[in-house]
């Protein structure tokens, strides 16, 4: 027993995903363009981007479902061209519209998948079945889109993967079930040190569990940073005049947007300087009230970086 666990620990020390000059084209359309990326190990990574940014393409490349047009990508230390049983049994994939065997019941499908995975966790399976409110007796063909998504989560998580890739895993779930799912995913991370990549437009949910953010825009990497670093650098300043009127413009390079008038301005900034607000207030003779931005507010500022650079 102890020998098996040590072997697994050694394997999971390999970097989860490494991409070098990764490009994927579909005909004339370039979905990913020269992406170079090292996925941090043991993190919950939020993969962000607008529709068509390349998120699903990157996840499909990482899982070996599609192959690169140019460049290389390794998953769990192996080129995705050569992924085999040692890697695939440690990889979990949850797709927005996963394919299941229609004639099976949920119970039959779970048992069928469990037969391929030595680490399939029946206790985790039971807890997820209860948390997601899944009826094991129902046939896959009878399930609603939301229930199909729940089955996909079960199939992707219950073998306790070292790397878990989730593409819009909760888009069809109600808020209560989404929170139960997030609780189970966090528990998985604490128990096994699993690396998770979550692509989701539900940014308020993502924010509750991620500790790293990767953002794509038009197939290119525009952000790759710890979430707490982003929280420290992005802020909204409400700027008020101490005497008279506000200046007509502010030209600090860290200012991302400005709204308002001569009596009050709302400025969104990104700066690593801890005393930037104090210095700004002294320089312009104004009062500054600062608040941090949440992930949903950061998102348009992050993904517009490419367009403004």
C-alpha atoms as a PDB file:
ATOM      1  CA  UNK A   1       0.000   0.000   0.000  1.00  0.00           C
ATOM      2  CA  UNK A   2       2.696   2.493   0.978  1.00  0.00           C
ATOM      3  CA  UNK A   3       4.804   1.607  -2.053  1.00  0.00           C
ATOM      4  CA  UNK A   4       1.901   2.324  -4.407  1.00  0.00           C
ATOM      5  CA  UNK A   5       1.258   5.732  -2.852  1.00  0.00           C
ATOM      6  CA  UNK A   6       4.920   6.716  -3.087  1.00  0.00           C
ATOM      7  CA  UNK A   7       5.002   5.760  -6.749  1.00  0.00           C
ATOM      8  CA  UNK A   8       1.966   7.910  -7.413  1.00  0.00           C
ATOM      9  CA  UNK A   9       3.480  10.858  -5.553  1.00  0.00           C
ATOM     10  CA  UNK A  10       6.602  10.600  -7.703  1.00  0.00           C
ATOM     11  CA  UNK A  11       4.554  10.589 -10.884  1.00  0.00           C
ATOM     12  CA  UNK A  12       2.428  13.552  -9.886  1.00  0.00           C
ATOM     13  CA  UNK A  13       5.528  15.713  -9.361  1.00  0.00           C
ATOM     14  CA  UNK A  14       5.761  16.095 -13.156  1.00  0.00           C
ATOM     15  CA  UNK A  15       4.538  19.475 -14.435  1.00  0.00           C
ATOM     16  CA  UNK A  16       0.878  19.058 -15.415  1.00  0.00           C
ATOM     17  CA  UNK A  17       0.944  20.802 -18.809  1.00  0.00           C
ATOM     18  CA  UNK A  18       3.825  22.348 -20.745  1.00  0.00           C
ATOM     19  CA  UNK A  19       3.216  24.072 -24.101  1.00  0.00           C
ATOM     20  CA  UNK A  20       5.843  25.530 -26.404  1.00  0.00           C
ATOM     21  CA  UNK A  21       4.938  27.704 -29.416  1.00  0.00           C
ATOM     22  CA  UNK A  22       1.615  25.866 -29.519  1.00  0.00           C
ATOM     23  CA  UNK A  23      -0.530  26.638 -32.550  1.00  0.00           C
ATOM     24  CA  UNK A  24      -3.810  25.100 -33.660  1.00  0.00           C
ATOM     25  CA  UNK A  25      -5.542  25.949 -36.924  1.00  0.00           C
ATOM     26  CA  UNK A  26      -8.903  24.890 -38.258  1.00  0.00           C
ATOM     27  CA  UNK A  27      -8.652  25.623 -41.953  1.00  0.00           C
ATOM     28  CA  UNK A  28      -7.886  29.346 -42.219  1.00  0.00           C
ATOM     29  CA  UNK A  29      -8.906  30.059 -38.630  1.00  0.00           C
ATOM     30  CA  UNK A  30      -6.133  30.124 -36.009  1.00  0.00           C
ATOM     31  CA  UNK A  31      -7.591  29.076 -32.656  1.00  0.00           C
ATOM     32  CA  UNK A  32      -4.270  29.210 -30.755  1.00  0.00           C
ATOM     33  CA  UNK A  33      -1.286  31.206 -31.939  1.00  0.00           C
ATOM     34  CA  UNK A  34       2.214  30.394 -30.648  1.00  0.00           C
ATOM     35  CA  UNK A  35       1.192  29.745 -27.041  1.00  0.00           C
ATOM     36  CA  UNK A  36       3.990  29.064 -24.551  1.00  0.00           C
ATOM     37  CA  UNK A  37       2.801  28.034 -21.105  1.00  0.00           C
ATOM     38  CA  UNK A  38       3.825  26.071 -17.998  1.00  0.00           C
ATOM     39  CA  UNK A  39       0.791  25.106 -15.962  1.00  0.00           C
ATOM     40  CA  UNK A  40       1.531  25.479 -12.226  1.00  0.00           C
ATOM     41  CA  UNK A  41       1.262  22.273 -10.218  1.00  0.00           C
ATOM     42  CA  UNK A  42      -1.241  21.812  -7.392  1.00  0.00           C
ATOM     43  CA  UNK A  43      -3.222  24.928  -8.284  1.00  0.00           C
ATOM     44  CA  UNK A  44      -6.841  25.638  -9.091  1.00  0.00           C
ATOM     45  CA  UNK A  45      -6.449  27.513 -12.360  1.00  0.00           C
ATOM     46  CA  UNK A  46      -9.172  29.689 -13.825  1.00  0.00           C
ATOM     47  CA  UNK A  47      -8.914  29.604 -17.626  1.00  0.00           C
ATOM     48  CA  UNK A  48     -10.542  32.811 -18.820  1.00  0.00           C
ATOM     49  CA  UNK A  49     -11.358  34.293 -22.195  1.00  0.00           C
ATOM     50  CA  UNK A  50     -14.170  35.523 -24.371  1.00  0.00           C
ATOM     51  CA  UNK A  51     -16.032  33.168 -26.684  1.00  0.00           C
ATOM     52  CA  UNK A  52     -13.631  31.961 -29.356  1.00  0.00           C
ATOM     53  CA  UNK A  53     -10.523  32.890 -27.356  1.00  0.00           C
ATOM     54  CA  UNK A  54      -9.126  29.330 -27.586  1.00  0.00           C
ATOM     55  CA  UNK A  55     -10.000  27.939 -24.151  1.00  0.00           C
ATOM     56  CA  UNK A  56     -11.708  24.745 -25.297  1.00  0.00           C
ATOM     57  CA  UNK A  57      -9.051  24.213 -27.958  1.00  0.00           C
ATOM     58  CA  UNK A  58      -6.317  24.414 -25.307  1.00  0.00           C
ATOM     59  CA  UNK A  59      -8.125  21.924 -23.052  1.00  0.00           C
ATOM     60  CA  UNK A  60      -8.694  19.544 -25.977  1.00  0.00           C
ATOM     61  CA  UNK A  61      -5.009  19.758 -26.902  1.00  0.00           C
ATOM     62  CA  UNK A  62      -3.975  19.096 -23.291  1.00  0.00           C
ATOM     63  CA  UNK A  63      -6.197  16.018 -23.112  1.00  0.00           C
ATOM     64  CA  UNK A  64      -5.010  14.636 -26.438  1.00  0.00           C
ATOM     65  CA  UNK A  65      -8.414  14.900 -28.118  1.00  0.00           C
ATOM     66  CA  UNK A  66      -6.842  16.976 -30.884  1.00  0.00           C
ATOM     67  CA  UNK A  67      -3.241  17.452 -31.991  1.00  0.00           C
ATOM     68  CA  UNK A  68      -1.265  20.676 -32.595  1.00  0.00           C
ATOM     69  CA  UNK A  69      -0.783  22.224 -36.003  1.00  0.00           C
ATOM     70  CA  UNK A  70       2.600  23.528 -34.827  1.00  0.00           C
ATOM     71  CA  UNK A  71       4.599  23.497 -31.615  1.00  0.00           C
ATOM     72  CA  UNK A  72       4.450  20.979 -28.787  1.00  0.00           C
ATOM     73  CA  UNK A  73       2.349  20.221 -25.734  1.00  0.00           C
ATOM     74  CA  UNK A  74       3.089  17.745 -22.946  1.00  0.00           C
ATOM     75  CA  UNK A  75       0.600  16.515 -20.375  1.00  0.00           C
ATOM     76  CA  UNK A  76       1.849  14.819 -17.200  1.00  0.00           C
ATOM     77  CA  UNK A  77       5.345  14.724 -18.675  1.00  0.00           C
ATOM     78  CA  UNK A  78       4.455  13.057 -21.988  1.00  0.00           C
ATOM     79  CA  UNK A  79       3.749  14.493 -25.444  1.00  0.00           C
ATOM     80  CA  UNK A  80       0.001  14.354 -26.003  1.00  0.00           C
ATOM     81  CA  UNK A  81       0.718  12.361 -29.157  1.00  0.00           C
ATOM     82  CA  UNK A  82       1.967   9.553 -26.888  1.00  0.00           C
ATOM     83  CA  UNK A  83      -0.527   9.683 -24.018  1.00  0.00           C
ATOM     84  CA  UNK A  84      -1.190   6.147 -22.786  1.00  0.00           C
ATOM     85  CA  UNK A  85      -2.651   4.308 -19.810  1.00  0.00           C
ATOM     86  CA  UNK A  86      -0.188   5.650 -17.156  1.00  0.00           C
ATOM     87  CA  UNK A  87      -1.184   9.232 -18.038  1.00  0.00           C
ATOM     88  CA  UNK A  88      -4.814   8.722 -19.039  1.00  0.00           C
ATOM     89  CA  UNK A  89      -5.693   7.039 -15.730  1.00  0.00           C
ATOM     90  CA  UNK A  90      -4.393  10.172 -13.963  1.00  0.00           C
ATOM     91  CA  UNK A  91      -6.194  12.613 -16.243  1.00  0.00           C
ATOM     92  CA  UNK A  92      -9.777  13.757 -15.683  1.00  0.00           C
ATOM     93  CA  UNK A  93     -11.770  15.618 -18.322  1.00  0.00           C
ATOM     94  CA  UNK A  94     -15.212  17.174 -17.896  1.00  0.00           C
ATOM     95  CA  UNK A  95     -16.643  18.678 -21.074  1.00  0.00           C
ATOM     96  CA  UNK A  96     -19.629  20.963 -21.366  1.00  0.00           C
ATOM     97  CA  UNK A  97     -21.374  18.435 -23.579  1.00  0.00           C
ATOM     98  CA  UNK A  98     -19.695  15.135 -22.812  1.00  0.00           C
ATOM     99  CA  UNK A  99     -20.669  11.995 -24.693  1.00  0.00           C
ATOM    100  CA  UNK A 100     -22.146   9.073 -22.808  1.00  0.00           C
ATOM    101  CA  UNK A 101     -23.500   5.669 -23.791  1.00  0.00           C
ATOM    102  CA  UNK A 102     -27.173   6.409 -24.241  1.00  0.00           C
ATOM    103  CA  UNK A 103     -28.678   2.991 -23.449  1.00  0.00           C
ATOM    104  CA  UNK A 104     -26.902   2.612 -20.101  1.00  0.00           C
ATOM    105  CA  UNK A 105     -28.289   3.684 -16.774  1.00  0.00           C
ATOM    106  CA  UNK A 106     -26.223   6.104 -14.728  1.00  0.00           C
ATOM    107  CA  UNK A 107     -25.240   3.225 -12.426  1.00  0.00           C
ATOM    108  CA  UNK A 108     -24.152   1.036 -15.352  1.00  0.00           C
ATOM    109  CA  UNK A 109     -22.110   3.884 -16.803  1.00  0.00           C
ATOM    110  CA  UNK A 110     -20.358   4.571 -13.501  1.00  0.00           C
ATOM    111  CA  UNK A 111     -19.521   0.874 -13.068  1.00  0.00           C
ATOM    112  CA  UNK A 112     -18.335   0.652 -16.672  1.00  0.00           C
ATOM    113  CA  UNK A 113     -15.971   3.608 -16.257  1.00  0.00           C
ATOM    114  CA  UNK A 114     -14.783   2.421 -12.842  1.00  0.00           C
ATOM    115  CA  UNK A 115     -13.551  -0.817 -14.426  1.00  0.00           C
ATOM    116  CA  UNK A 116     -10.850   1.154 -16.279  1.00  0.00           C
ATOM    117  CA  UNK A 117      -9.503   3.054 -13.268  1.00  0.00           C
ATOM    118  CA  UNK A 118      -7.663   1.352 -10.377  1.00  0.00           C
ATOM    119  CA  UNK A 119      -8.117   4.456  -8.197  1.00  0.00           C
ATOM    120  CA  UNK A 120     -11.874   4.819  -8.689  1.00  0.00           C
ATOM    121  CA  UNK A 121     -13.216   6.132  -5.386  1.00  0.00           C
ATOM    122  CA  UNK A 122     -16.625   4.688  -4.502  1.00  0.00           C
ATOM    123  CA  UNK A 123     -16.950   6.919  -1.446  1.00  0.00           C
ATOM    124  CA  UNK A 124     -16.315  10.033  -3.533  1.00  0.00           C
ATOM    125  CA  UNK A 125     -18.779   8.688  -6.079  1.00  0.00           C
ATOM    126  CA  UNK A 126     -21.494   8.301  -3.430  1.00  0.00           C
ATOM    127  CA  UNK A 127     -20.906  11.793  -2.054  1.00  0.00           C
ATOM    128  CA  UNK A 128     -21.053  13.333  -5.516  1.00  0.00           C
ATOM    129  CA  UNK A 129     -24.171  11.378  -6.463  1.00  0.00           C
ATOM    130  CA  UNK A 130     -25.851  12.795  -3.346  1.00  0.00           C
ATOM    131  CA  UNK A 131     -24.463  16.319  -3.728  1.00  0.00           C
ATOM    132  CA  UNK A 132     -25.390  16.558  -7.413  1.00  0.00           C
ATOM    133  CA  UNK A 133     -28.765  14.853  -6.827  1.00  0.00           C
ATOM    134  CA  UNK A 134     -28.224  12.211  -9.513  1.00  0.00           C
ATOM    135  CA  UNK A 135     -30.621   9.271  -9.876  1.00  0.00           C
ATOM    136  CA  UNK A 136     -28.427   6.205 -10.656  1.00  0.00           C
ATOM    137  CA  UNK A 137     -31.413   4.240 -11.976  1.00  0.00           C
ATOM    138  CA  UNK A 138     -32.234   6.597 -14.842  1.00  0.00           C
ATOM    139  CA  UNK A 139     -31.015   5.917 -18.376  1.00  0.00           C
ATOM    140  CA  UNK A 140     -28.628   8.392 -19.956  1.00  0.00           C
ATOM    141  CA  UNK A 141     -31.038   8.924 -22.869  1.00  0.00           C
ATOM    142  CA  UNK A 142     -33.699  10.173 -20.430  1.00  0.00           C
ATOM    143  CA  UNK A 143     -31.538  12.803 -18.731  1.00  0.00           C
ATOM    144  CA  UNK A 144     -31.883  16.557 -19.089  1.00  0.00           C
ATOM    145  CA  UNK A 145     -28.827  18.581 -20.217  1.00  0.00           C
ATOM    146  CA  UNK A 146     -28.162  19.508 -16.588  1.00  0.00           C
ATOM    147  CA  UNK A 147     -28.284  15.895 -15.403  1.00  0.00           C
ATOM    148  CA  UNK A 148     -26.041  14.817 -18.282  1.00  0.00           C
ATOM    149  CA  UNK A 149     -23.551  17.409 -17.125  1.00  0.00           C
ATOM    150  CA  UNK A 150     -23.686  15.966 -13.608  1.00  0.00           C
ATOM    151  CA  UNK A 151     -22.906  12.491 -14.961  1.00  0.00           C
ATOM    152  CA  UNK A 152     -19.985  13.950 -16.892  1.00  0.00           C
ATOM    153  CA  UNK A 153     -18.626  15.421 -13.659  1.00  0.00           C
ATOM    154  CA  UNK A 154     -18.904  12.040 -11.931  1.00  0.00           C
ATOM    155  CA  UNK A 155     -17.083  10.307 -14.780  1.00  0.00           C
ATOM    156  CA  UNK A 156     -14.318  12.901 -14.812  1.00  0.00           C
ATOM    157  CA  UNK A 157     -13.678  13.164 -11.077  1.00  0.00           C
ATOM    158  CA  UNK A 158     -14.282   9.839  -9.321  1.00  0.00           C
ATOM    159  CA  UNK A 159     -11.014   8.173 -10.393  1.00  0.00           C
ATOM    160  CA  UNK A 160      -9.130  10.853  -8.396  1.00  0.00           C
ATOM    161  CA  UNK A 161      -7.081  12.296 -11.279  1.00  0.00           C
ATOM    162  CA  UNK A 162      -3.820  14.160 -10.765  1.00  0.00           C
ATOM    163  CA  UNK A 163      -4.879  16.656 -13.438  1.00  0.00           C
ATOM    164  CA  UNK A 164      -8.530  17.653 -13.853  1.00  0.00           C
ATOM    165  CA  UNK A 165      -9.615  19.692 -16.887  1.00  0.00           C
ATOM    166  CA  UNK A 166     -13.112  21.177 -16.636  1.00  0.00           C
ATOM    167  CA  UNK A 167     -14.721  22.961 -19.593  1.00  0.00           C
ATOM    168  CA  UNK A 168     -17.825  24.856 -18.429  1.00  0.00           C
ATOM    169  CA  UNK A 169     -18.557  22.110 -15.871  1.00  0.00           C
ATOM    170  CA  UNK A 170     -21.458  23.886 -14.164  1.00  0.00           C
ATOM    171  CA  UNK A 171     -23.132  25.899 -16.921  1.00  0.00           C
ATOM    172  CA  UNK A 172     -26.373  23.869 -16.707  1.00  0.00           C
ATOM    173  CA  UNK A 173     -26.461  23.491 -12.903  1.00  0.00           C
ATOM    174  CA  UNK A 174     -28.512  25.556 -10.489  1.00  0.00           C
ATOM    175  CA  UNK A 175     -26.686  27.781  -7.948  1.00  0.00           C
ATOM    176  CA  UNK A 176     -27.127  25.408  -4.975  1.00  0.00           C
ATOM    177  CA  UNK A 177     -25.775  22.396  -6.859  1.00  0.00           C
ATOM    178  CA  UNK A 178     -22.923  24.521  -8.236  1.00  0.00           C
ATOM    179  CA  UNK A 179     -21.831  25.408  -4.715  1.00  0.00           C
ATOM    180  CA  UNK A 180     -21.980  21.751  -3.642  1.00  0.00           C
ATOM    181  CA  UNK A 181     -19.840  20.858  -6.652  1.00  0.00           C
ATOM    182  CA  UNK A 182     -17.276  23.553  -5.806  1.00  0.00           C
ATOM    183  CA  UNK A 183     -17.068  22.250  -2.234  1.00  0.00           C
ATOM    184  CA  UNK A 184     -16.318  18.733  -3.468  1.00  0.00           C
ATOM    185  CA  UNK A 185     -13.704  19.994  -5.939  1.00  0.00           C
ATOM    186  CA  UNK A 186     -11.944  21.953  -3.200  1.00  0.00           C
ATOM    187  CA  UNK A 187     -11.981  18.888  -0.975  1.00  0.00           C
ATOM    188  CA  UNK A 188     -10.365  16.904  -3.791  1.00  0.00           C
ATOM    189  CA  UNK A 189      -7.577  19.456  -4.038  1.00  0.00           C
ATOM    190  CA  UNK A 190      -6.919  19.357  -0.305  1.00  0.00           C
ATOM    191  CA  UNK A 191      -6.924  15.556  -0.211  1.00  0.00           C
ATOM    192  CA  UNK A 192      -4.770  14.803  -3.268  1.00  0.00           C
ATOM    193  CA  UNK A 193      -3.066  18.014  -4.346  1.00  0.00           C
ATOM    194  CA  UNK A 194      -4.847  17.675  -7.691  1.00  0.00           C
ATOM    195  CA  UNK A 195      -4.174  20.359 -10.313  1.00  0.00           C
ATOM    196  CA  UNK A 196      -7.460  21.705 -11.705  1.00  0.00           C
ATOM    197  CA  UNK A 197      -8.101  23.871 -14.732  1.00  0.00           C
ATOM    198  CA  UNK A 198     -11.594  25.358 -14.843  1.00  0.00           C
ATOM    199  CA  UNK A 199     -12.881  27.163 -17.919  1.00  0.00           C
ATOM    200  CA  UNK A 200     -16.141  28.891 -17.066  1.00  0.00           C
ATOM    201  CA  UNK A 201     -18.106  32.048 -17.799  1.00  0.00           C
ATOM    202  CA  UNK A 202     -19.521  31.875 -14.253  1.00  0.00           C
ATOM    203  CA  UNK A 203     -16.752  34.101 -12.906  1.00  0.00           C
ATOM    204  CA  UNK A 204     -18.397  34.666  -9.530  1.00  0.00           C
ATOM    205  CA  UNK A 205     -18.201  30.900  -8.946  1.00  0.00           C
ATOM    206  CA  UNK A 206     -14.685  30.564 -10.307  1.00  0.00           C
ATOM    207  CA  UNK A 207     -13.436  33.347  -8.050  1.00  0.00           C
ATOM    208  CA  UNK A 208     -14.388  31.370  -4.951  1.00  0.00           C
ATOM    209  CA  UNK A 209     -11.945  28.540  -5.636  1.00  0.00           C
ATOM    210  CA  UNK A 210      -9.172  29.600  -8.058  1.00  0.00           C
ATOM    211  CA  UNK A 211      -5.723  30.635  -6.920  1.00  0.00           C
ATOM    212  CA  UNK A 212      -4.206  31.121 -10.402  1.00  0.00           C
ATOM    213  CA  UNK A 213      -5.524  32.834 -13.537  1.00  0.00           C
ATOM    214  CA  UNK A 214      -4.658  32.138 -17.159  1.00  0.00           C
ATOM    215  CA  UNK A 215      -6.394  34.317 -19.740  1.00  0.00           C
ATOM    216  CA  UNK A 216      -6.503  33.964 -23.512  1.00  0.00           C
ATOM    217  CA  UNK A 217      -7.568  36.504 -26.092  1.00  0.00           C
ATOM    218  CA  UNK A 218      -7.811  35.727 -29.811  1.00  0.00           C
ATOM    219  CA  UNK A 219      -5.707  32.607 -29.309  1.00  0.00           C
ATOM    220  CA  UNK A 220      -2.875  34.326 -27.446  1.00  0.00           C
ATOM    221  CA  UNK A 221      -1.846  34.323 -23.793  1.00  0.00           C
ATOM    222  CA  UNK A 222      -2.620  37.669 -22.138  1.00  0.00           C
ATOM    223  CA  UNK A 223      -2.426  36.717 -18.441  1.00  0.00           C
ATOM    224  CA  UNK A 224      -0.665  34.069 -16.375  1.00  0.00           C
ATOM    225  CA  UNK A 225      -0.475  35.018 -12.709  1.00  0.00           C
ATOM    226  CA  UNK A 226      -1.435  34.118  -9.165  1.00  0.00           C
ATOM    227  CA  UNK A 227      -4.939  35.345  -8.373  1.00  0.00           C
ATOM    228  CA  UNK A 228      -3.849  37.106  -5.185  1.00  0.00           C
ATOM    229  CA  UNK A 229      -1.300  39.102  -7.232  1.00  0.00           C
ATOM    230  CA  UNK A 230      -4.088  40.231  -9.550  1.00  0.00           C
ATOM    231  CA  UNK A 231      -6.261  41.180  -6.575  1.00  0.00           C
ATOM    232  CA  UNK A 232      -3.442  43.309  -5.181  1.00  0.00           C
ATOM    233  CA  UNK A 233      -2.736  45.079  -8.482  1.00  0.00           C
ATOM    234  CA  UNK A 234      -6.249  45.839  -9.820  1.00  0.00           C
ATOM    235  CA  UNK A 235      -8.353  48.489  -8.094  1.00  0.00           C
ATOM    236  CA  UNK A 236     -11.093  51.020  -8.615  1.00  0.00           C
ATOM    237  CA  UNK A 237     -10.395  54.516  -7.349  1.00  0.00           C
ATOM    238  CA  UNK A 238     -13.095  57.054  -6.675  1.00  0.00           C
ATOM    239  CA  UNK A 239     -11.337  60.411  -7.091  1.00  0.00           C
ATOM    240  CA  UNK A 240     -12.712  63.604  -5.515  1.00  0.00           C
ATOM    241  CA  UNK A 241     -11.287  67.154  -5.652  1.00  0.00           C
ATOM    242  CA  UNK A 242      -9.955  68.655  -2.456  1.00  0.00           C
ATOM    243  CA  UNK A 243     -10.416  72.144  -3.804  1.00  0.00           C
ATOM    244  CA  UNK A 244     -12.155  73.223  -6.976  1.00  0.00           C
ATOM    245  CA  UNK A 245     -12.330  70.838  -9.910  1.00  0.00           C
ATOM    246  CA  UNK A 246     -10.598  67.650 -10.986  1.00  0.00           C
ATOM    247  CA  UNK A 247      -7.953  67.853 -13.717  1.00  0.00           C
ATOM    248  CA  UNK A 248      -9.240  67.332 -17.237  1.00  0.00           C
ATOM    249  CA  UNK A 249      -7.143  64.188 -17.600  1.00  0.00           C
ATOM    250  CA  UNK A 250      -4.756  61.892 -15.746  1.00  0.00           C
ATOM    251  CA  UNK A 251      -1.846  60.479 -17.720  1.00  0.00           C
ATOM    252  CA  UNK A 252      -0.465  57.795 -15.360  1.00  0.00           C
ATOM    253  CA  UNK A 253       0.364  54.697 -17.424  1.00  0.00           C
ATOM    254  CA  UNK A 254      -1.359  52.346 -14.967  1.00  0.00           C
ATOM    255  CA  UNK A 255      -4.789  53.913 -15.560  1.00  0.00           C
ATOM    256  CA  UNK A 256      -6.985  51.539 -17.569  1.00  0.00           C
ATOM    257  CA  UNK A 257     -10.243  53.493 -17.700  1.00  0.00           C
ATOM    258  CA  UNK A 258     -11.838  56.694 -16.429  1.00  0.00           C
ATOM    259  CA  UNK A 259     -15.467  57.781 -16.063  1.00  0.00           C
ATOM    260  CA  UNK A 260     -17.014  60.805 -14.438  1.00  0.00           C
ATOM    261  CA  UNK A 261     -16.773  64.584 -14.560  1.00  0.00           C
ATOM    262  CA  UNK A 262     -15.037  67.525 -12.900  1.00  0.00           C
ATOM    263  CA  UNK A 263     -16.649  66.729  -9.527  1.00  0.00           C
ATOM    264  CA  UNK A 264     -15.936  62.987  -9.316  1.00  0.00           C
ATOM    265  CA  UNK A 265     -14.050  60.428 -11.370  1.00  0.00           C
ATOM    266  CA  UNK A 266     -14.053  56.647 -11.184  1.00  0.00           C
ATOM    267  CA  UNK A 267     -10.730  55.228 -12.348  1.00  0.00           C
ATOM    268  CA  UNK A 268      -9.728  51.602 -12.781  1.00  0.00           C
ATOM    269  CA  UNK A 269      -6.029  50.936 -12.416  1.00  0.00           C
ATOM    270  CA  UNK A 270      -3.465  48.188 -12.463  1.00  0.00           C
ATOM    271  CA  UNK A 271      -0.261  48.788 -10.560  1.00  0.00           C
ATOM    272  CA  UNK A 272       2.100  46.794  -8.366  1.00  0.00           C
ATOM    273  CA  UNK A 273       2.964  49.871  -6.289  1.00  0.00           C
ATOM    274  CA  UNK A 274       1.356  49.539  -2.873  1.00  0.00           C
ATOM    275  CA  UNK A 275       1.313  53.316  -2.286  1.00  0.00           C
ATOM    276  CA  UNK A 276       0.197  54.290  -5.800  1.00  0.00           C
ATOM    277  CA  UNK A 277      -3.093  55.764  -4.553  1.00  0.00           C
ATOM    278  CA  UNK A 278      -1.302  57.901  -1.950  1.00  0.00           C
ATOM    279  CA  UNK A 279       1.194  59.182  -4.502  1.00  0.00           C
ATOM    280  CA  UNK A 280      -1.576  59.874  -7.008  1.00  0.00           C
ATOM    281  CA  UNK A 281      -3.554  61.851  -4.414  1.00  0.00           C
ATOM    282  CA  UNK A 282      -0.515  63.971  -3.491  1.00  0.00           C
ATOM    283  CA  UNK A 283       0.469  64.572  -7.125  1.00  0.00           C
ATOM    284  CA  UNK A 284      -2.976  65.816  -8.172  1.00  0.00           C
ATOM    285  CA  UNK A 285      -4.230  67.292  -4.915  1.00  0.00           C
ATOM    286  CA  UNK A 286      -7.216  64.973  -4.743  1.00  0.00           C
ATOM    287  CA  UNK A 287      -8.856  62.504  -2.412  1.00  0.00           C
ATOM    288  CA  UNK A 288      -8.741  58.836  -3.445  1.00  0.00           C
ATOM    289  CA  UNK A 289     -11.012  56.087  -2.141  1.00  0.00           C
ATOM    290  CA  UNK A 290      -9.815  52.673  -3.303  1.00  0.00           C
ATOM    291  CA  UNK A 291     -11.515  49.285  -3.500  1.00  0.00           C
ATOM    292  CA  UNK A 292     -10.297  45.993  -5.011  1.00  0.00           C
ATOM    293  CA  UNK A 293     -11.922  44.572  -8.135  1.00  0.00           C
ATOM    294  CA  UNK A 294     -13.525  41.164  -8.247  1.00  0.00           C
ATOM    295  CA  UNK A 295     -12.712  38.698 -11.032  1.00  0.00           C
ATOM    296  CA  UNK A 296     -15.754  39.652 -13.098  1.00  0.00           C
ATOM    297  CA  UNK A 297     -14.625  43.290 -13.037  1.00  0.00           C
ATOM    298  CA  UNK A 298     -11.020  42.383 -13.858  1.00  0.00           C
ATOM    299  CA  UNK A 299     -12.003  40.185 -16.790  1.00  0.00           C
ATOM    300  CA  UNK A 300     -12.636  42.873 -19.452  1.00  0.00           C
ATOM    301  CA  UNK A 301      -9.506  44.728 -18.356  1.00  0.00           C
ATOM    302  CA  UNK A 302      -7.348  41.610 -18.639  1.00  0.00           C
ATOM    303  CA  UNK A 303      -8.709  40.410 -21.961  1.00  0.00           C
ATOM    304  CA  UNK A 304      -8.418  43.800 -23.619  1.00  0.00           C
ATOM    305  CA  UNK A 305      -4.656  43.858 -22.985  1.00  0.00           C
ATOM    306  CA  UNK A 306      -3.823  42.471 -26.438  1.00  0.00           C
ATOM    307  CA  UNK A 307      -5.991  45.024 -28.211  1.00  0.00           C
ATOM    308  CA  UNK A 308      -4.366  47.957 -26.396  1.00  0.00           C
ATOM    309  CA  UNK A 309      -0.767  46.699 -26.420  1.00  0.00           C
END
